């Protein structure tokens, strides 16, 4: 018996959505929307960088372009996995591409589903390694337990939980993220929607995929610590001029409470509270669920154009 016999090869998988980059026609409008949403929006040259307060990571960049469009996706990997991914991608015969204009050349650039440029780069893990914070209301007592409206603090998200991408072929895209990038299925509903997590530990989904005619960014989802934060965020966005959206409600798949706020380009930013967590290398009981369970347990009726890919309509 050799010393290596019986040892399990370390799993090979991306661990985080390190950054997503998209264009909009008006950076001033983007700054107002995401600042109102509660993000720390910083100017970096001619771009906007989306941070959360108190967290060092840059979650996204917004650049000026003729329309709102997802440009590329950067996924974080561990340093030891870079040569392993090089070999794995060669074995899988995954197409390597040149970086998009104005993107960095570091790491590995590959052709992802629906023509999405995907970068694999060495990065610190920014996806959560433990369940999201849960601030519960105080126990019933001989005093008011509600936060005071006059003293309520604005909602400020804690971190990026996940993104949902449109795809012309959800099953094919899911196989790419599983077989090529090592993500694992959490849940799905037929060939219409799928939710994928990282085996290194992440929320119920790091990336979700929804059926459309092609690529697009449907929403980015941001963790908040309480149901009050969801409600206060809903209120602060309405007061800032963004009353449209969906919620408040509760999802079945992921279990989180939500409010989707419609942005000026027809996509959404989501306040998410108390989403399920998949611990590192745990086996989530993935299943194929009825269509009604892919949406919500309770909440207002779904807006008619909620799952409409405005990126394709504007091309």
C-alpha atoms as a PDB file:
ATOM      1  CA  UNK A   1       0.000   0.000   0.000  1.00  0.00           C
ATOM      2  CA  UNK A   2       1.431   3.378  -1.020  1.00  0.00           C
ATOM      3  CA  UNK A   3       1.232   6.436   1.172  1.00  0.00           C
ATOM      4  CA  UNK A   4      -1.188   8.145  -1.234  1.00  0.00           C
ATOM      5  CA  UNK A   5      -3.542   5.221  -1.565  1.00  0.00           C
ATOM      6  CA  UNK A   6      -6.963   5.977  -0.122  1.00  0.00           C
ATOM      7  CA  UNK A   7      -6.427   9.722  -0.046  1.00  0.00           C
ATOM      8  CA  UNK A   8      -9.152  11.754  -1.698  1.00  0.00           C
ATOM      9  CA  UNK A   9      -8.158  14.264  -4.342  1.00  0.00           C
ATOM     10  CA  UNK A  10      -9.083  17.772  -3.109  1.00  0.00           C
ATOM     11  CA  UNK A  11     -12.237  19.031  -4.765  1.00  0.00           C
ATOM     12  CA  UNK A  12     -11.811  21.317  -7.724  1.00  0.00           C
ATOM     13  CA  UNK A  13     -14.340  24.115  -7.845  1.00  0.00           C
ATOM     14  CA  UNK A  14     -14.669  27.880  -7.960  1.00  0.00           C
ATOM     15  CA  UNK A  15     -15.419  29.300  -4.519  1.00  0.00           C
ATOM     16  CA  UNK A  16     -16.941  32.745  -5.149  1.00  0.00           C
ATOM     17  CA  UNK A  17     -18.437  35.159  -7.588  1.00  0.00           C
ATOM     18  CA  UNK A  18     -15.425  37.403  -7.270  1.00  0.00           C
ATOM     19  CA  UNK A  19     -16.890  40.156  -9.436  1.00  0.00           C
ATOM     20  CA  UNK A  20     -19.465  40.776 -12.134  1.00  0.00           C
ATOM     21  CA  UNK A  21     -19.139  43.617 -14.620  1.00  0.00           C
ATOM     22  CA  UNK A  22     -21.950  45.225 -16.581  1.00  0.00           C
ATOM     23  CA  UNK A  23     -22.617  48.334 -18.618  1.00  0.00           C
ATOM     24  CA  UNK A  24     -25.390  50.937 -18.383  1.00  0.00           C
ATOM     25  CA  UNK A  25     -25.963  54.054 -20.466  1.00  0.00           C
ATOM     26  CA  UNK A  26     -25.969  56.470 -17.503  1.00  0.00           C
ATOM     27  CA  UNK A  27     -23.468  56.072 -14.665  1.00  0.00           C
ATOM     28  CA  UNK A  28     -25.098  58.888 -12.716  1.00  0.00           C
ATOM     29  CA  UNK A  29     -28.348  56.948 -12.675  1.00  0.00           C
ATOM     30  CA  UNK A  30     -26.494  53.815 -11.602  1.00  0.00           C
ATOM     31  CA  UNK A  31     -24.768  55.697  -8.802  1.00  0.00           C
ATOM     32  CA  UNK A  32     -28.093  57.003  -7.512  1.00  0.00           C
ATOM     33  CA  UNK A  33     -29.789  53.592  -7.665  1.00  0.00           C
ATOM     34  CA  UNK A  34     -27.079  51.599  -5.905  1.00  0.00           C
ATOM     35  CA  UNK A  35     -26.313  54.318  -3.367  1.00  0.00           C
ATOM     36  CA  UNK A  36     -30.013  54.464  -2.507  1.00  0.00           C
ATOM     37  CA  UNK A  37     -30.019  50.657  -2.275  1.00  0.00           C
ATOM     38  CA  UNK A  38     -27.423  50.937   0.480  1.00  0.00           C
ATOM     39  CA  UNK A  39     -24.186  50.019  -1.255  1.00  0.00           C
ATOM     40  CA  UNK A  40     -20.871  51.835  -0.939  1.00  0.00           C
ATOM     41  CA  UNK A  41     -20.513  53.143  -4.502  1.00  0.00           C
ATOM     42  CA  UNK A  42     -17.032  54.376  -5.369  1.00  0.00           C
ATOM     43  CA  UNK A  43     -15.706  56.063  -8.477  1.00  0.00           C
ATOM     44  CA  UNK A  44     -12.738  54.280 -10.048  1.00  0.00           C
ATOM     45  CA  UNK A  45     -11.678  56.331 -13.036  1.00  0.00           C
ATOM     46  CA  UNK A  46     -14.605  56.235 -15.442  1.00  0.00           C
ATOM     47  CA  UNK A  47     -16.216  53.245 -13.701  1.00  0.00           C
ATOM     48  CA  UNK A  48     -18.293  52.679 -10.596  1.00  0.00           C
ATOM     49  CA  UNK A  49     -17.228  50.064  -8.060  1.00  0.00           C
ATOM     50  CA  UNK A  50     -19.897  48.419  -5.907  1.00  0.00           C
ATOM     51  CA  UNK A  51     -18.814  47.677  -2.337  1.00  0.00           C
ATOM     52  CA  UNK A  52     -20.711  46.969   0.857  1.00  0.00           C
ATOM     53  CA  UNK A  53     -19.952  49.098   3.896  1.00  0.00           C
ATOM     54  CA  UNK A  54     -17.471  47.520   6.274  1.00  0.00           C
ATOM     55  CA  UNK A  55     -16.352  44.841   3.823  1.00  0.00           C
ATOM     56  CA  UNK A  56     -13.105  45.102   1.843  1.00  0.00           C
ATOM     57  CA  UNK A  57     -14.312  43.297  -1.268  1.00  0.00           C
ATOM     58  CA  UNK A  58     -15.322  44.896  -4.561  1.00  0.00           C
ATOM     59  CA  UNK A  59     -18.363  42.941  -5.692  1.00  0.00           C
ATOM     60  CA  UNK A  60     -19.096  44.517  -9.065  1.00  0.00           C
ATOM     61  CA  UNK A  61     -18.167  47.215 -11.518  1.00  0.00           C
ATOM     62  CA  UNK A  62     -20.463  49.328 -13.648  1.00  0.00           C
ATOM     63  CA  UNK A  63     -19.122  50.837 -16.865  1.00  0.00           C
ATOM     64  CA  UNK A  64     -20.673  53.157 -19.425  1.00  0.00           C
ATOM     65  CA  UNK A  65     -22.145  51.504 -22.504  1.00  0.00           C
ATOM     66  CA  UNK A  66     -24.982  51.979 -24.990  1.00  0.00           C
ATOM     67  CA  UNK A  67     -27.317  49.623 -23.073  1.00  0.00           C
ATOM     68  CA  UNK A  68     -27.481  47.666 -19.843  1.00  0.00           C
ATOM     69  CA  UNK A  69     -25.513  44.491 -20.561  1.00  0.00           C
ATOM     70  CA  UNK A  70     -23.626  41.857 -18.586  1.00  0.00           C
ATOM     71  CA  UNK A  71     -20.054  41.996 -19.921  1.00  0.00           C
ATOM     72  CA  UNK A  72     -18.125  39.356 -18.010  1.00  0.00           C
ATOM     73  CA  UNK A  73     -18.038  37.278 -14.857  1.00  0.00           C
ATOM     74  CA  UNK A  74     -14.959  36.754 -12.684  1.00  0.00           C
ATOM     75  CA  UNK A  75     -14.979  33.670 -10.461  1.00  0.00           C
ATOM     76  CA  UNK A  76     -12.585  33.164  -7.554  1.00  0.00           C
ATOM     77  CA  UNK A  77     -10.390  30.078  -7.229  1.00  0.00           C
ATOM     78  CA  UNK A  78      -7.764  29.001  -4.703  1.00  0.00           C
ATOM     79  CA  UNK A  79      -4.122  29.485  -5.723  1.00  0.00           C
ATOM     80  CA  UNK A  80      -3.334  25.754  -5.572  1.00  0.00           C
ATOM     81  CA  UNK A  81      -6.162  25.101  -8.014  1.00  0.00           C
ATOM     82  CA  UNK A  82      -4.863  27.248 -10.861  1.00  0.00           C
ATOM     83  CA  UNK A  83      -2.655  24.562 -12.456  1.00  0.00           C
ATOM     84  CA  UNK A  84      -5.326  21.950 -11.785  1.00  0.00           C
ATOM     85  CA  UNK A  85      -7.903  24.071 -13.595  1.00  0.00           C
ATOM     86  CA  UNK A  86      -5.460  24.515 -16.478  1.00  0.00           C
ATOM     87  CA  UNK A  87      -5.276  20.735 -16.887  1.00  0.00           C
ATOM     88  CA  UNK A  88      -8.987  20.223 -16.294  1.00  0.00           C
ATOM     89  CA  UNK A  89     -10.021  22.790 -18.896  1.00  0.00           C
ATOM     90  CA  UNK A  90      -7.695  21.206 -21.442  1.00  0.00           C
ATOM     91  CA  UNK A  91      -9.207  17.777 -20.753  1.00  0.00           C
ATOM     92  CA  UNK A  92     -12.716  19.215 -21.102  1.00  0.00           C
ATOM     93  CA  UNK A  93     -11.694  20.973 -24.347  1.00  0.00           C
ATOM     94  CA  UNK A  94     -13.078  24.262 -23.074  1.00  0.00           C
ATOM     95  CA  UNK A  95     -12.450  27.154 -25.425  1.00  0.00           C
ATOM     96  CA  UNK A  96      -9.946  29.722 -24.175  1.00  0.00           C
ATOM     97  CA  UNK A  97     -10.606  33.313 -25.183  1.00  0.00           C
ATOM     98  CA  UNK A  98      -8.858  36.661 -25.108  1.00  0.00           C
ATOM     99  CA  UNK A  99      -9.996  38.965 -22.286  1.00  0.00           C
ATOM    100  CA  UNK A 100     -12.726  41.462 -23.151  1.00  0.00           C
ATOM    101  CA  UNK A 101     -11.677  45.024 -23.773  1.00  0.00           C
ATOM    102  CA  UNK A 102     -10.717  46.810 -20.523  1.00  0.00           C
ATOM    103  CA  UNK A 103     -10.666  43.525 -18.566  1.00  0.00           C
ATOM    104  CA  UNK A 104      -7.555  42.285 -16.778  1.00  0.00           C
ATOM    105  CA  UNK A 105      -5.378  39.590 -18.321  1.00  0.00           C
ATOM    106  CA  UNK A 106      -4.734  37.674 -15.108  1.00  0.00           C
ATOM    107  CA  UNK A 107      -5.967  34.154 -14.564  1.00  0.00           C
ATOM    108  CA  UNK A 108      -7.776  32.084 -17.167  1.00  0.00           C
ATOM    109  CA  UNK A 109     -10.362  33.396 -19.613  1.00  0.00           C
ATOM    110  CA  UNK A 110     -12.819  30.908 -21.082  1.00  0.00           C
ATOM    111  CA  UNK A 111     -15.962  30.905 -23.184  1.00  0.00           C
ATOM    112  CA  UNK A 112     -18.923  30.379 -20.893  1.00  0.00           C
ATOM    113  CA  UNK A 113     -22.571  29.592 -21.600  1.00  0.00           C
ATOM    114  CA  UNK A 114     -24.480  31.848 -23.998  1.00  0.00           C
ATOM    115  CA  UNK A 115     -21.275  33.598 -25.037  1.00  0.00           C
ATOM    116  CA  UNK A 116     -20.470  34.915 -21.559  1.00  0.00           C
ATOM    117  CA  UNK A 117     -16.801  35.696 -20.993  1.00  0.00           C
ATOM    118  CA  UNK A 118     -15.747  33.962 -17.764  1.00  0.00           C
ATOM    119  CA  UNK A 119     -12.531  34.651 -15.870  1.00  0.00           C
ATOM    120  CA  UNK A 120     -11.058  32.260 -13.318  1.00  0.00           C
ATOM    121  CA  UNK A 121      -8.674  34.133 -11.054  1.00  0.00           C
ATOM    122  CA  UNK A 122      -6.906  33.567  -7.774  1.00  0.00           C
ATOM    123  CA  UNK A 123      -8.832  35.413  -5.101  1.00  0.00           C
ATOM    124  CA  UNK A 124      -9.668  35.299  -1.424  1.00  0.00           C
ATOM    125  CA  UNK A 125     -12.955  33.531  -0.760  1.00  0.00           C
ATOM    126  CA  UNK A 126     -15.684  36.166  -0.574  1.00  0.00           C
ATOM    127  CA  UNK A 127     -18.708  33.866  -0.602  1.00  0.00           C
ATOM    128  CA  UNK A 128     -19.931  33.157   2.948  1.00  0.00           C
ATOM    129  CA  UNK A 129     -18.342  30.370   4.974  1.00  0.00           C
ATOM    130  CA  UNK A 130     -21.101  30.336   7.558  1.00  0.00           C
ATOM    131  CA  UNK A 131     -24.853  30.992   7.617  1.00  0.00           C
ATOM    132  CA  UNK A 132     -25.952  34.572   7.065  1.00  0.00           C
ATOM    133  CA  UNK A 133     -26.563  36.761  10.149  1.00  0.00           C
ATOM    134  CA  UNK A 134     -30.059  36.594  11.657  1.00  0.00           C
ATOM    135  CA  UNK A 135     -31.189  39.477  13.842  1.00  0.00           C
ATOM    136  CA  UNK A 136     -34.426  38.284  15.433  1.00  0.00           C
ATOM    137  CA  UNK A 137     -36.998  40.502  17.152  1.00  0.00           C
ATOM    138  CA  UNK A 138     -36.668  40.691  20.951  1.00  0.00           C
ATOM    139  CA  UNK A 139     -38.740  38.314  23.042  1.00  0.00           C
ATOM    140  CA  UNK A 140     -42.187  39.528  24.003  1.00  0.00           C
ATOM    141  CA  UNK A 141     -41.992  41.802  27.038  1.00  0.00           C
ATOM    142  CA  UNK A 142     -43.786  44.668  28.727  1.00  0.00           C
ATOM    143  CA  UNK A 143     -42.332  47.141  26.234  1.00  0.00           C
ATOM    144  CA  UNK A 144     -42.482  47.850  22.515  1.00  0.00           C
ATOM    145  CA  UNK A 145     -40.297  45.540  20.437  1.00  0.00           C
ATOM    146  CA  UNK A 146     -40.529  47.337  17.107  1.00  0.00           C
ATOM    147  CA  UNK A 147     -37.666  49.581  16.004  1.00  0.00           C
ATOM    148  CA  UNK A 148     -38.569  53.256  16.189  1.00  0.00           C
ATOM    149  CA  UNK A 149     -39.324  54.762  12.791  1.00  0.00           C
ATOM    150  CA  UNK A 150     -37.673  58.013  13.869  1.00  0.00           C
ATOM    151  CA  UNK A 151     -34.468  56.154  14.771  1.00  0.00           C
ATOM    152  CA  UNK A 152     -34.477  53.374  12.178  1.00  0.00           C
ATOM    153  CA  UNK A 153     -31.161  53.079  10.340  1.00  0.00           C
ATOM    154  CA  UNK A 154     -31.035  52.800   6.538  1.00  0.00           C
ATOM    155  CA  UNK A 155     -30.605  49.320   5.153  1.00  0.00           C
ATOM    156  CA  UNK A 156     -27.039  48.561   4.144  1.00  0.00           C
ATOM    157  CA  UNK A 157     -26.436  45.094   2.657  1.00  0.00           C
ATOM    158  CA  UNK A 158     -23.639  42.964   4.111  1.00  0.00           C
ATOM    159  CA  UNK A 159     -22.377  41.017   1.092  1.00  0.00           C
ATOM    160  CA  UNK A 160     -23.293  39.702  -2.345  1.00  0.00           C
ATOM    161  CA  UNK A 161     -25.230  36.469  -1.918  1.00  0.00           C
ATOM    162  CA  UNK A 162     -25.709  35.430  -5.549  1.00  0.00           C
ATOM    163  CA  UNK A 163     -26.524  36.446  -9.097  1.00  0.00           C
ATOM    164  CA  UNK A 164     -29.165  35.076 -11.459  1.00  0.00           C
ATOM    165  CA  UNK A 165     -28.250  34.778 -15.120  1.00  0.00           C
ATOM    166  CA  UNK A 166     -30.514  34.250 -18.107  1.00  0.00           C
ATOM    167  CA  UNK A 167     -29.648  31.378 -20.428  1.00  0.00           C
ATOM    168  CA  UNK A 168     -31.078  30.018 -23.663  1.00  0.00           C
ATOM    169  CA  UNK A 169     -30.429  26.470 -22.431  1.00  0.00           C
ATOM    170  CA  UNK A 170     -30.547  26.109 -18.649  1.00  0.00           C
ATOM    171  CA  UNK A 171     -29.614  22.408 -18.694  1.00  0.00           C
ATOM    172  CA  UNK A 172     -26.578  22.984 -20.877  1.00  0.00           C
ATOM    173  CA  UNK A 173     -25.455  25.993 -18.841  1.00  0.00           C
ATOM    174  CA  UNK A 174     -25.919  24.022 -15.615  1.00  0.00           C
ATOM    175  CA  UNK A 175     -23.706  21.219 -16.931  1.00  0.00           C
ATOM    176  CA  UNK A 176     -20.997  23.778 -17.735  1.00  0.00           C
ATOM    177  CA  UNK A 177     -21.008  25.228 -14.221  1.00  0.00           C
ATOM    178  CA  UNK A 178     -21.058  21.739 -12.718  1.00  0.00           C
ATOM    179  CA  UNK A 179     -18.698  19.784 -14.968  1.00  0.00           C
ATOM    180  CA  UNK A 180     -16.262  22.548 -15.870  1.00  0.00           C
ATOM    181  CA  UNK A 181     -16.299  24.809 -12.819  1.00  0.00           C
ATOM    182  CA  UNK A 182     -17.205  22.358 -10.042  1.00  0.00           C
ATOM    183  CA  UNK A 183     -20.405  23.949  -8.744  1.00  0.00           C
ATOM    184  CA  UNK A 184     -23.143  21.653  -7.473  1.00  0.00           C
ATOM    185  CA  UNK A 185     -26.860  21.622  -8.007  1.00  0.00           C
ATOM    186  CA  UNK A 186     -28.931  22.805  -5.056  1.00  0.00           C
ATOM    187  CA  UNK A 187     -32.387  22.656  -6.640  1.00  0.00           C
ATOM    188  CA  UNK A 188     -34.086  23.100  -9.976  1.00  0.00           C
ATOM    189  CA  UNK A 189     -37.495  23.215 -11.624  1.00  0.00           C
ATOM    190  CA  UNK A 190     -37.445  21.285 -14.879  1.00  0.00           C
ATOM    191  CA  UNK A 191     -35.371  23.038 -17.512  1.00  0.00           C
ATOM    192  CA  UNK A 192     -36.667  26.474 -16.519  1.00  0.00           C
ATOM    193  CA  UNK A 193     -34.516  27.413 -13.516  1.00  0.00           C
ATOM    194  CA  UNK A 194     -31.561  25.951 -11.625  1.00  0.00           C
ATOM    195  CA  UNK A 195     -29.714  26.950  -8.443  1.00  0.00           C
ATOM    196  CA  UNK A 196     -26.033  26.123  -7.923  1.00  0.00           C
ATOM    197  CA  UNK A 197     -23.777  26.351  -4.865  1.00  0.00           C
ATOM    198  CA  UNK A 198     -20.047  26.039  -4.260  1.00  0.00           C
ATOM    199  CA  UNK A 199     -18.808  22.909  -2.475  1.00  0.00           C
ATOM    200  CA  UNK A 200     -16.333  25.196  -0.700  1.00  0.00           C
ATOM    201  CA  UNK A 201     -19.338  26.586   1.203  1.00  0.00           C
ATOM    202  CA  UNK A 202     -21.823  29.209   0.023  1.00  0.00           C
ATOM    203  CA  UNK A 203     -25.397  30.334   0.311  1.00  0.00           C
ATOM    204  CA  UNK A 204     -28.025  28.019  -1.215  1.00  0.00           C
ATOM    205  CA  UNK A 205     -27.082  29.431  -4.576  1.00  0.00           C
ATOM    206  CA  UNK A 206     -24.013  31.279  -5.738  1.00  0.00           C
ATOM    207  CA  UNK A 207     -25.262  31.317  -9.331  1.00  0.00           C
ATOM    208  CA  UNK A 208     -28.810  30.727 -10.558  1.00  0.00           C
ATOM    209  CA  UNK A 209     -29.924  30.204 -14.146  1.00  0.00           C
ATOM    210  CA  UNK A 210     -33.298  31.094 -15.666  1.00  0.00           C
ATOM    211  CA  UNK A 211     -34.705  30.291 -19.103  1.00  0.00           C
ATOM    212  CA  UNK A 212     -34.628  33.037 -21.717  1.00  0.00           C
ATOM    213  CA  UNK A 213     -33.609  33.445 -25.355  1.00  0.00           C
ATOM    214  CA  UNK A 214     -30.051  34.336 -24.443  1.00  0.00           C
ATOM    215  CA  UNK A 215     -27.634  35.842 -21.946  1.00  0.00           C
ATOM    216  CA  UNK A 216     -28.551  38.531 -19.432  1.00  0.00           C
ATOM    217  CA  UNK A 217     -28.259  39.516 -15.784  1.00  0.00           C
ATOM    218  CA  UNK A 218     -31.661  39.233 -14.129  1.00  0.00           C
ATOM    219  CA  UNK A 219     -30.645  40.276 -10.626  1.00  0.00           C
ATOM    220  CA  UNK A 220     -27.942  40.566  -8.050  1.00  0.00           C
ATOM    221  CA  UNK A 221     -28.906  39.512  -4.517  1.00  0.00           C
ATOM    222  CA  UNK A 222     -27.545  41.150  -1.379  1.00  0.00           C
ATOM    223  CA  UNK A 223     -27.677  39.755   2.155  1.00  0.00           C
ATOM    224  CA  UNK A 224     -29.319  41.828   4.882  1.00  0.00           C
ATOM    225  CA  UNK A 225     -29.523  40.776   8.548  1.00  0.00           C
ATOM    226  CA  UNK A 226     -33.257  40.968   9.343  1.00  0.00           C
ATOM    227  CA  UNK A 227     -36.766  41.059   7.952  1.00  0.00           C
ATOM    228  CA  UNK A 228     -36.915  44.665   9.175  1.00  0.00           C
ATOM    229  CA  UNK A 229     -33.927  45.423   6.945  1.00  0.00           C
ATOM    230  CA  UNK A 230     -35.864  44.030   3.983  1.00  0.00           C
ATOM    231  CA  UNK A 231     -38.852  46.232   4.852  1.00  0.00           C
ATOM    232  CA  UNK A 232     -36.821  49.357   5.532  1.00  0.00           C
ATOM    233  CA  UNK A 233     -34.904  48.807   2.297  1.00  0.00           C
ATOM    234  CA  UNK A 234     -38.187  48.528   0.406  1.00  0.00           C
ATOM    235  CA  UNK A 235     -39.283  51.821   1.928  1.00  0.00           C
ATOM    236  CA  UNK A 236     -36.018  53.667   1.324  1.00  0.00           C
ATOM    237  CA  UNK A 237     -35.982  52.637  -2.336  1.00  0.00           C
ATOM    238  CA  UNK A 238     -39.573  53.780  -2.850  1.00  0.00           C
ATOM    239  CA  UNK A 239     -38.676  57.129  -1.300  1.00  0.00           C
ATOM    240  CA  UNK A 240     -35.654  57.355  -3.612  1.00  0.00           C
ATOM    241  CA  UNK A 241     -37.880  56.923  -6.657  1.00  0.00           C
ATOM    242  CA  UNK A 242     -37.755  53.155  -7.137  1.00  0.00           C
ATOM    243  CA  UNK A 243     -41.124  51.804  -5.962  1.00  0.00           C
ATOM    244  CA  UNK A 244     -41.414  49.052  -8.578  1.00  0.00           C
ATOM    245  CA  UNK A 245     -40.390  45.492  -7.887  1.00  0.00           C
ATOM    246  CA  UNK A 246     -41.601  42.272  -6.322  1.00  0.00           C
ATOM    247  CA  UNK A 247     -42.057  41.391  -2.660  1.00  0.00           C
ATOM    248  CA  UNK A 248     -41.915  41.360   0.225  1.00  0.00           C
ATOM    249  CA  UNK A 249     -42.261  37.584   0.114  1.00  0.00           C
ATOM    250  CA  UNK A 250     -40.547  34.312   0.933  1.00  0.00           C
ATOM    251  CA  UNK A 251     -38.937  31.851  -1.459  1.00  0.00           C
ATOM    252  CA  UNK A 252     -39.332  28.079  -1.263  1.00  0.00           C
ATOM    253  CA  UNK A 253     -35.946  27.247  -2.806  1.00  0.00           C
ATOM    254  CA  UNK A 254     -33.368  28.951  -0.624  1.00  0.00           C
ATOM    255  CA  UNK A 255     -35.955  29.802   2.054  1.00  0.00           C
ATOM    256  CA  UNK A 256     -35.011  33.485   2.055  1.00  0.00           C
ATOM    257  CA  UNK A 257     -37.294  36.465   2.551  1.00  0.00           C
ATOM    258  CA  UNK A 258     -36.987  38.866  -0.369  1.00  0.00           C
ATOM    259  CA  UNK A 259     -37.702  42.189  -1.951  1.00  0.00           C
ATOM    260  CA  UNK A 260     -36.659  42.713  -5.574  1.00  0.00           C
ATOM    261  CA  UNK A 261     -36.233  46.372  -6.522  1.00  0.00           C
ATOM    262  CA  UNK A 262     -36.510  47.124 -10.212  1.00  0.00           C
ATOM    263  CA  UNK A 263     -33.622  49.187 -11.533  1.00  0.00           C
ATOM    264  CA  UNK A 264     -33.838  51.767 -14.348  1.00  0.00           C
ATOM    265  CA  UNK A 265     -32.924  49.105 -16.959  1.00  0.00           C
ATOM    266  CA  UNK A 266     -35.556  46.482 -16.165  1.00  0.00           C
ATOM    267  CA  UNK A 267     -33.414  44.155 -14.049  1.00  0.00           C
ATOM    268  CA  UNK A 268     -33.365  43.903 -10.251  1.00  0.00           C
ATOM    269  CA  UNK A 269     -31.378  44.200  -7.042  1.00  0.00           C
ATOM    270  CA  UNK A 270     -32.655  41.924  -4.280  1.00  0.00           C
ATOM    271  CA  UNK A 271     -32.643  42.357  -0.525  1.00  0.00           C
ATOM    272  CA  UNK A 272     -32.285  38.812   0.836  1.00  0.00           C
ATOM    273  CA  UNK A 273     -32.675  37.701   4.439  1.00  0.00           C
ATOM    274  CA  UNK A 274     -32.092  34.282   6.026  1.00  0.00           C
ATOM    275  CA  UNK A 275     -31.149  32.221   2.966  1.00  0.00           C
ATOM    276  CA  UNK A 276     -30.210  28.558   3.368  1.00  0.00           C
ATOM    277  CA  UNK A 277     -26.492  27.824   3.728  1.00  0.00           C
ATOM    278  CA  UNK A 278     -24.587  24.851   2.308  1.00  0.00           C
ATOM    279  CA  UNK A 279     -21.560  24.061   4.487  1.00  0.00           C
ATOM    280  CA  UNK A 280     -18.258  23.124   2.819  1.00  0.00           C
ATOM    281  CA  UNK A 281     -18.450  19.767   1.029  1.00  0.00           C
ATOM    282  CA  UNK A 282     -21.881  18.987   2.465  1.00  0.00           C
ATOM    283  CA  UNK A 283     -24.399  17.144   0.333  1.00  0.00           C
ATOM    284  CA  UNK A 284     -27.442  19.304  -0.234  1.00  0.00           C
ATOM    285  CA  UNK A 285     -30.564  17.214  -1.021  1.00  0.00           C
ATOM    286  CA  UNK A 286     -30.973  18.521  -4.570  1.00  0.00           C
ATOM    287  CA  UNK A 287     -34.372  17.926  -6.159  1.00  0.00           C
ATOM    288  CA  UNK A 288     -36.522  18.824  -9.154  1.00  0.00           C
ATOM    289  CA  UNK A 289     -39.421  20.928  -7.859  1.00  0.00           C
ATOM    290  CA  UNK A 290     -42.841  21.932  -9.263  1.00  0.00           C
ATOM    291  CA  UNK A 291     -42.876  25.249 -11.087  1.00  0.00           C
ATOM    292  CA  UNK A 292     -44.886  27.007  -8.390  1.00  0.00           C
ATOM    293  CA  UNK A 293     -42.221  26.139  -5.819  1.00  0.00           C
ATOM    294  CA  UNK A 294     -39.528  27.798  -7.937  1.00  0.00           C
ATOM    295  CA  UNK A 295     -41.085  31.171  -7.127  1.00  0.00           C
ATOM    296  CA  UNK A 296     -42.434  31.725  -3.615  1.00  0.00           C
ATOM    297  CA  UNK A 297     -44.348  30.440  -0.592  1.00  0.00           C
ATOM    298  CA  UNK A 298     -46.126  33.747  -0.052  1.00  0.00           C
ATOM    299  CA  UNK A 299     -45.970  37.270  -1.393  1.00  0.00           C
ATOM    300  CA  UNK A 300     -47.654  39.542  -3.910  1.00  0.00           C
ATOM    301  CA  UNK A 301     -48.480  38.391  -7.400  1.00  0.00           C
ATOM    302  CA  UNK A 302     -45.510  38.152  -9.727  1.00  0.00           C
ATOM    303  CA  UNK A 303     -45.159  41.182 -12.047  1.00  0.00           C
ATOM    304  CA  UNK A 304     -45.961  40.253 -15.650  1.00  0.00           C
ATOM    305  CA  UNK A 305     -42.506  41.128 -16.966  1.00  0.00           C
ATOM    306  CA  UNK A 306     -40.512  39.907 -13.966  1.00  0.00           C
ATOM    307  CA  UNK A 307     -38.726  37.203 -15.953  1.00  0.00           C
ATOM    308  CA  UNK A 308     -38.226  39.260 -19.107  1.00  0.00           C
ATOM    309  CA  UNK A 309     -34.718  39.633 -20.493  1.00  0.00           C
ATOM    310  CA  UNK A 310     -34.433  43.344 -21.246  1.00  0.00           C
ATOM    311  CA  UNK A 311     -30.823  42.930 -22.344  1.00  0.00           C
ATOM    312  CA  UNK A 312     -31.951  41.001 -25.423  1.00  0.00           C
ATOM    313  CA  UNK A 313     -34.775  43.439 -26.114  1.00  0.00           C
ATOM    314  CA  UNK A 314     -32.364  46.390 -26.109  1.00  0.00           C
ATOM    315  CA  UNK A 315     -29.754  44.929 -28.450  1.00  0.00           C
END
